[in-house]
């Protein structure tokens, strides 16, 4: 897999997490721990993407 393809895959997962966070936040009785976990994962992906872009 090329670096560009890997970045695209990570970016797609990042966007999916963004959607999950938005849906969970709008849900009545939303789970704040689940939202926090999703946000941490989203940040981890963002950091990986930035690292790959800088090294490329």
PDB file of N, CA and C in Angstrom:
ATOM      1  N   UNK A   1       0.849  -1.172   0.000  1.00  0.00           N
ATOM      2  CA  UNK A   1       0.000   0.000   0.000  1.00  0.00           C
ATOM      3  C   UNK A   1       0.900   1.242   0.000  1.00  0.00           C
ATOM      4  N   UNK A   2       0.568   2.183  -0.856  1.00  0.00           N
ATOM      5  CA  UNK A   2       1.349   3.417  -0.910  1.00  0.00           C
ATOM      6  C   UNK A   2       0.996   4.296   0.285  1.00  0.00           C
ATOM      7  N   UNK A   3       1.866   5.246   0.551  1.00  0.00           N
ATOM      8  CA  UNK A   3       1.616   6.178   1.654  1.00  0.00           C
ATOM      9  C   UNK A   3       0.341   6.968   1.395  1.00  0.00           C
ATOM     10  N   UNK A   4       0.136   7.374   0.141  1.00  0.00           N
ATOM     11  CA  UNK A   4      -1.070   8.144  -0.205  1.00  0.00           C
ATOM     12  C   UNK A   4      -2.330   7.330   0.062  1.00  0.00           C
ATOM     13  N   UNK A   5      -2.297   6.062  -0.302  1.00  0.00           N
ATOM     14  CA  UNK A   5      -3.454   5.193  -0.079  1.00  0.00           C
ATOM     15  C   UNK A   5      -3.700   5.000   1.412  1.00  0.00           C
ATOM     16  N   UNK A   6      -2.632   4.863   2.166  1.00  0.00           N
ATOM     17  CA  UNK A   6      -2.763   4.695   3.612  1.00  0.00           C
ATOM     18  C   UNK A   6      -3.354   5.957   4.239  1.00  0.00           C
ATOM     19  N   UNK A   7      -2.895   7.120   3.786  1.00  0.00           N
ATOM     20  CA  UNK A   7      -3.443   8.391   4.277  1.00  0.00           C
ATOM     21  C   UNK A   7      -4.928   8.486   3.947  1.00  0.00           C
ATOM     22  N   UNK A   8      -5.311   8.099   2.735  1.00  0.00           N
ATOM     23  CA  UNK A   8      -6.731   8.144   2.352  1.00  0.00           C
ATOM     24  C   UNK A   8      -7.562   7.219   3.231  1.00  0.00           C
ATOM     25  N   UNK A   9      -7.027   6.022   3.525  1.00  0.00           N
ATOM     26  CA  UNK A   9      -7.743   5.075   4.373  1.00  0.00           C
ATOM     27  C   UNK A   9      -7.917   5.642   5.790  1.00  0.00           C
ATOM     28  N   UNK A  10      -6.851   6.202   6.342  1.00  0.00           N
ATOM     29  CA  UNK A  10      -6.933   6.792   7.681  1.00  0.00           C
ATOM     30  C   UNK A  10      -7.883   7.986   7.691  1.00  0.00           C
ATOM     31  N   UNK A  11      -7.853   8.782   6.628  1.00  0.00           N
ATOM     32  CA  UNK A  11      -8.740   9.944   6.532  1.00  0.00           C
ATOM     33  C   UNK A  11     -10.201   9.508   6.469  1.00  0.00           C
ATOM     34  N   UNK A  12     -10.478   8.426   5.752  1.00  0.00           N
ATOM     35  CA  UNK A  12     -11.849   7.910   5.679  1.00  0.00           C
ATOM     36  C   UNK A  12     -12.312   7.438   7.056  1.00  0.00           C
ATOM     37  N   UNK A  13     -11.436   6.744   7.783  1.00  0.00           N
ATOM     38  CA  UNK A  13     -11.784   6.294   9.142  1.00  0.00           C
ATOM     39  C   UNK A  13     -11.993   7.493  10.062  1.00  0.00           C
ATOM     40  N   UNK A  14     -11.188   8.540   9.885  1.00  0.00           N
ATOM     41  CA  UNK A  14     -11.312   9.770  10.670  1.00  0.00           C
ATOM     42  C   UNK A  14     -12.690  10.398  10.429  1.00  0.00           C
ATOM     43  N   UNK A  15     -13.095  10.455   9.173  1.00  0.00           N
ATOM     44  CA  UNK A  15     -14.406  11.020   8.832  1.00  0.00           C
ATOM     45  C   UNK A  15     -15.546  10.169   9.377  1.00  0.00           C
ATOM     46  N   UNK A  16     -15.393   8.851   9.355  1.00  0.00           N
ATOM     47  CA  UNK A  16     -16.410   7.966   9.914  1.00  0.00           C
ATOM     48  C   UNK A  16     -16.565   8.199  11.411  1.00  0.00           C
ATOM     49  N   UNK A  17     -15.453   8.384  12.091  1.00  0.00           N
ATOM     50  CA  UNK A  17     -15.516   8.665  13.529  1.00  0.00           C
ATOM     51  C   UNK A  17     -16.215   9.994  13.784  1.00  0.00           C
ATOM     52  N   UNK A  18     -15.953  10.974  12.949  1.00  0.00           N
ATOM     53  CA  UNK A  18     -16.611  12.276  13.080  1.00  0.00           C
ATOM     54  C   UNK A  18     -18.129  12.112  13.001  1.00  0.00           C
ATOM     55  N   UNK A  19     -18.580  11.305  12.063  1.00  0.00           N
ATOM     56  CA  UNK A  19     -20.013  11.036  11.906  1.00  0.00           C
ATOM     57  C   UNK A  19     -20.574  10.311  13.128  1.00  0.00           C
ATOM     58  N   UNK A  20     -19.831   9.316  13.630  1.00  0.00           N
ATOM     59  CA  UNK A  20     -20.276   8.574  14.816  1.00  0.00           C
ATOM     60  C   UNK A  20     -20.387   9.506  16.024  1.00  0.00           C
ATOM     61  N   UNK A  21     -19.411  10.389  16.186  1.00  0.00           N
ATOM     62  CA  UNK A  21     -19.433  11.335  17.302  1.00  0.00           C
ATOM     63  C   UNK A  21     -20.647  12.246  17.197  1.00  0.00           C
ATOM     64  N   UNK A  22     -20.902  12.742  15.999  1.00  0.00           N
ATOM     65  CA  UNK A  22     -22.047  13.631  15.784  1.00  0.00           C
ATOM     66  C   UNK A  22     -23.366  12.921  16.116  1.00  0.00           C
ATOM     67  N   UNK A  23     -23.524  11.688  15.636  1.00  0.00           N
ATOM     68  CA  UNK A  23     -24.754  10.941  15.896  1.00  0.00           C
ATOM     69  C   UNK A  23     -24.909  10.637  17.383  1.00  0.00           C
ATOM     70  N   UNK A  24     -23.836  10.226  18.019  1.00  0.00           N
ATOM     71  CA  UNK A  24     -23.893   9.903  19.448  1.00  0.00           C
ATOM     72  C   UNK A  24     -24.208  11.151  20.275  1.00  0.00           C
ATOM     73  N   UNK A  25     -23.655  12.297  19.877  1.00  0.00           N
ATOM     74  CA  UNK A  25     -23.898  13.544  20.604  1.00  0.00           C
ATOM     75  C   UNK A  25     -25.356  13.986  20.513  1.00  0.00           C
ATOM     76  N   UNK A  26     -25.995  13.699  19.395  1.00  0.00           N
ATOM     77  CA  UNK A  26     -27.388  14.118  19.187  1.00  0.00           C
ATOM     78  C   UNK A  26     -28.397  13.151  19.800  1.00  0.00           C
ATOM     79  N   UNK A  27     -27.931  11.948  20.135  1.00  0.00           N
ATOM     80  CA  UNK A  27     -28.829  10.934  20.667  1.00  0.00           C
ATOM     81  C   UNK A  27     -29.236  11.289  22.103  1.00  0.00           C
ATOM     82  N   UNK A  28     -30.528  11.180  22.419  1.00  0.00           N
ATOM     83  CA  UNK A  28     -30.943  11.415  23.808  1.00  0.00           C
ATOM     84  C   UNK A  28     -30.245  10.416  24.738  1.00  0.00           C
ATOM     85  N   UNK A  29     -29.760  10.910  25.842  1.00  0.00           N
ATOM     86  CA  UNK A  29     -29.070  10.040  26.775  1.00  0.00           C
ATOM     87  C   UNK A  29     -27.744   9.556  26.241  1.00  0.00           C
ATOM     88  N   UNK A  30     -27.077  10.397  25.459  1.00  0.00           N
ATOM     89  CA  UNK A  30     -25.818   9.992  24.834  1.00  0.00           C
ATOM     90  C   UNK A  30     -24.786   9.611  25.893  1.00  0.00           C
ATOM     91  N   UNK A  31     -23.923   8.701  25.525  1.00  0.00           N
ATOM     92  CA  UNK A  31     -22.903   8.162  26.413  1.00  0.00           C
ATOM     93  C   UNK A  31     -21.644   9.021  26.301  1.00  0.00           C
ATOM     94  N   UNK A  32     -21.381   9.833  27.321  1.00  0.00           N
ATOM     95  CA  UNK A  32     -20.235  10.741  27.272  1.00  0.00           C
ATOM     96  C   UNK A  32     -18.906   9.986  27.262  1.00  0.00           C
ATOM     97  N   UNK A  33     -18.856   8.841  27.899  1.00  0.00           N
ATOM     98  CA  UNK A  33     -17.625   8.049  27.869  1.00  0.00           C
ATOM     99  C   UNK A  33     -17.359   7.505  26.464  1.00  0.00           C
ATOM    100  N   UNK A  34     -18.408   7.087  25.788  1.00  0.00           N
ATOM    101  CA  UNK A  34     -18.271   6.605  24.412  1.00  0.00           C
ATOM    102  C   UNK A  34     -17.827   7.745  23.497  1.00  0.00           C
ATOM    103  N   UNK A  35     -18.395   8.922  23.690  1.00  0.00           N
ATOM    104  CA  UNK A  35     -18.018  10.085  22.884  1.00  0.00           C
ATOM    105  C   UNK A  35     -16.545  10.427  23.116  1.00  0.00           C
ATOM    106  N   UNK A  36     -16.117  10.419  24.363  1.00  0.00           N
ATOM    107  CA  UNK A  36     -14.716  10.717  24.684  1.00  0.00           C
ATOM    108  C   UNK A  36     -13.780   9.688  24.042  1.00  0.00           C
ATOM    109  N   UNK A  37     -14.176   8.427  24.072  1.00  0.00           N
ATOM    110  CA  UNK A  37     -13.370   7.373  23.467  1.00  0.00           C
ATOM    111  C   UNK A  37     -13.261   7.577  21.955  1.00  0.00           C
ATOM    112  N   UNK A  38     -14.368   7.908  21.324  1.00  0.00           N
ATOM    113  CA  UNK A  38     -14.364   8.155  19.886  1.00  0.00           C
ATOM    114  C   UNK A  38     -13.491   9.358  19.538  1.00  0.00           C
ATOM    115  N   UNK A  39     -13.547  10.392  20.366  1.00  0.00           N
ATOM    116  CA  UNK A  39     -12.733  11.583  20.119  1.00  0.00           C
ATOM    117  C   UNK A  39     -11.246  11.280  20.267  1.00  0.00           C
ATOM    118  N   UNK A  40     -10.886  10.459  21.240  1.00  0.00           N
ATOM    119  CA  UNK A  40      -9.480  10.075  21.395  1.00  0.00           C
ATOM    120  C   UNK A  40      -8.993   9.294  20.178  1.00  0.00           C
ATOM    121  N   UNK A  41      -9.833   8.390  19.699  1.00  0.00           N
ATOM    122  CA  UNK A  41      -9.470   7.607  18.504  1.00  0.00           C
ATOM    123  C   UNK A  41      -9.337   8.521  17.289  1.00  0.00           C
ATOM    124  N   UNK A  42     -10.235   9.485  17.168  1.00  0.00           N
ATOM    125  CA  UNK A  42     -10.188  10.427  16.060  1.00  0.00           C
ATOM    126  C   UNK A  42      -8.899  11.248  16.112  1.00  0.00           C
ATOM    127  N   UNK A  43      -8.506  11.683  17.309  1.00  0.00           N
ATOM    128  CA  UNK A  43      -7.270  12.440  17.464  1.00  0.00           C
ATOM    129  C   UNK A  43      -6.059  11.575  17.123  1.00  0.00           C
ATOM    130  N   UNK A  44      -6.064  10.314  17.540  1.00  0.00           N
ATOM    131  CA  UNK A  44      -4.967   9.400  17.233  1.00  0.00           C
ATOM    132  C   UNK A  44      -4.805   9.251  15.718  1.00  0.00           C
ATOM    133  N   UNK A  45      -5.937   9.113  15.020  1.00  0.00           N
ATOM    134  CA  UNK A  45      -5.888   9.000  13.563  1.00  0.00           C
ATOM    135  C   UNK A  45      -5.357  10.287  12.928  1.00  0.00           C
ATOM    136  N   UNK A  46      -5.804  11.423  13.437  1.00  0.00           N
ATOM    137  CA  UNK A  46      -5.344  12.707  12.899  1.00  0.00           C
ATOM    138  C   UNK A  46      -3.829  12.840  13.056  1.00  0.00           C
ATOM    139  N   UNK A  47      -3.309  12.424  14.216  1.00  0.00           N
ATOM    140  CA  UNK A  47      -1.877  12.486  14.451  1.00  0.00           C
ATOM    141  C   UNK A  47      -1.121  11.562  13.492  1.00  0.00           C
ATOM    142  N   UNK A  48      -1.655  10.380  13.243  1.00  0.00           N
ATOM    143  CA  UNK A  48      -1.027   9.451  12.299  1.00  0.00           C
ATOM    144  C   UNK A  48      -1.008  10.034  10.893  1.00  0.00           C
ATOM    145  N   UNK A  49      -2.125  10.640  10.501  1.00  0.00           N
ATOM    146  CA  UNK A  49      -2.218  11.247   9.169  1.00  0.00           C
ATOM    147  C   UNK A  49      -1.179  12.354   9.022  1.00  0.00           C
ATOM    148  N   UNK A  50      -1.099  13.230  10.019  1.00  0.00           N
ATOM    149  CA  UNK A  50      -0.145  14.333   9.958  1.00  0.00           C
ATOM    150  C   UNK A  50       1.293  13.827   9.919  1.00  0.00           C
ATOM    151  N   UNK A  51       1.596  12.803  10.687  1.00  0.00           N
ATOM    152  CA  UNK A  51       2.935  12.229  10.691  1.00  0.00           C
ATOM    153  C   UNK A  51       3.293  11.664   9.312  1.00  0.00           C
ATOM    154  N   UNK A  52       2.345  10.952   8.709  1.00  0.00           N
ATOM    155  CA  UNK A  52       2.595  10.403   7.369  1.00  0.00           C
ATOM    156  C   UNK A  52       2.773  11.501   6.337  1.00  0.00           C
ATOM    157  N   UNK A  53       1.972  12.562   6.434  1.00  0.00           N
ATOM    158  CA  UNK A  53       2.083  13.670   5.471  1.00  0.00           C
ATOM    159  C   UNK A  53       3.423  14.373   5.607  1.00  0.00           C
ATOM    160  N   UNK A  54       3.905  14.543   6.841  1.00  0.00           N
ATOM    161  CA  UNK A  54       5.191  15.204   7.043  1.00  0.00           C
ATOM    162  C   UNK A  54       6.352  14.353   6.560  1.00  0.00           C
ATOM    163  N   UNK A  55       6.226  13.039   6.708  1.00  0.00           N
ATOM    164  CA  UNK A  55       7.330  12.157   6.316  1.00  0.00           C
ATOM    165  C   UNK A  55       7.333  11.860   4.820  1.00  0.00           C
ATOM    166  N   UNK A  56       6.263  12.219   4.156  1.00  0.00           N
ATOM    167  CA  UNK A  56       6.131  11.914   2.725  1.00  0.00           C
ATOM    168  C   UNK A  56       6.746  12.960   1.888  1.00  0.00           C
TER     169      UNK A  56
END
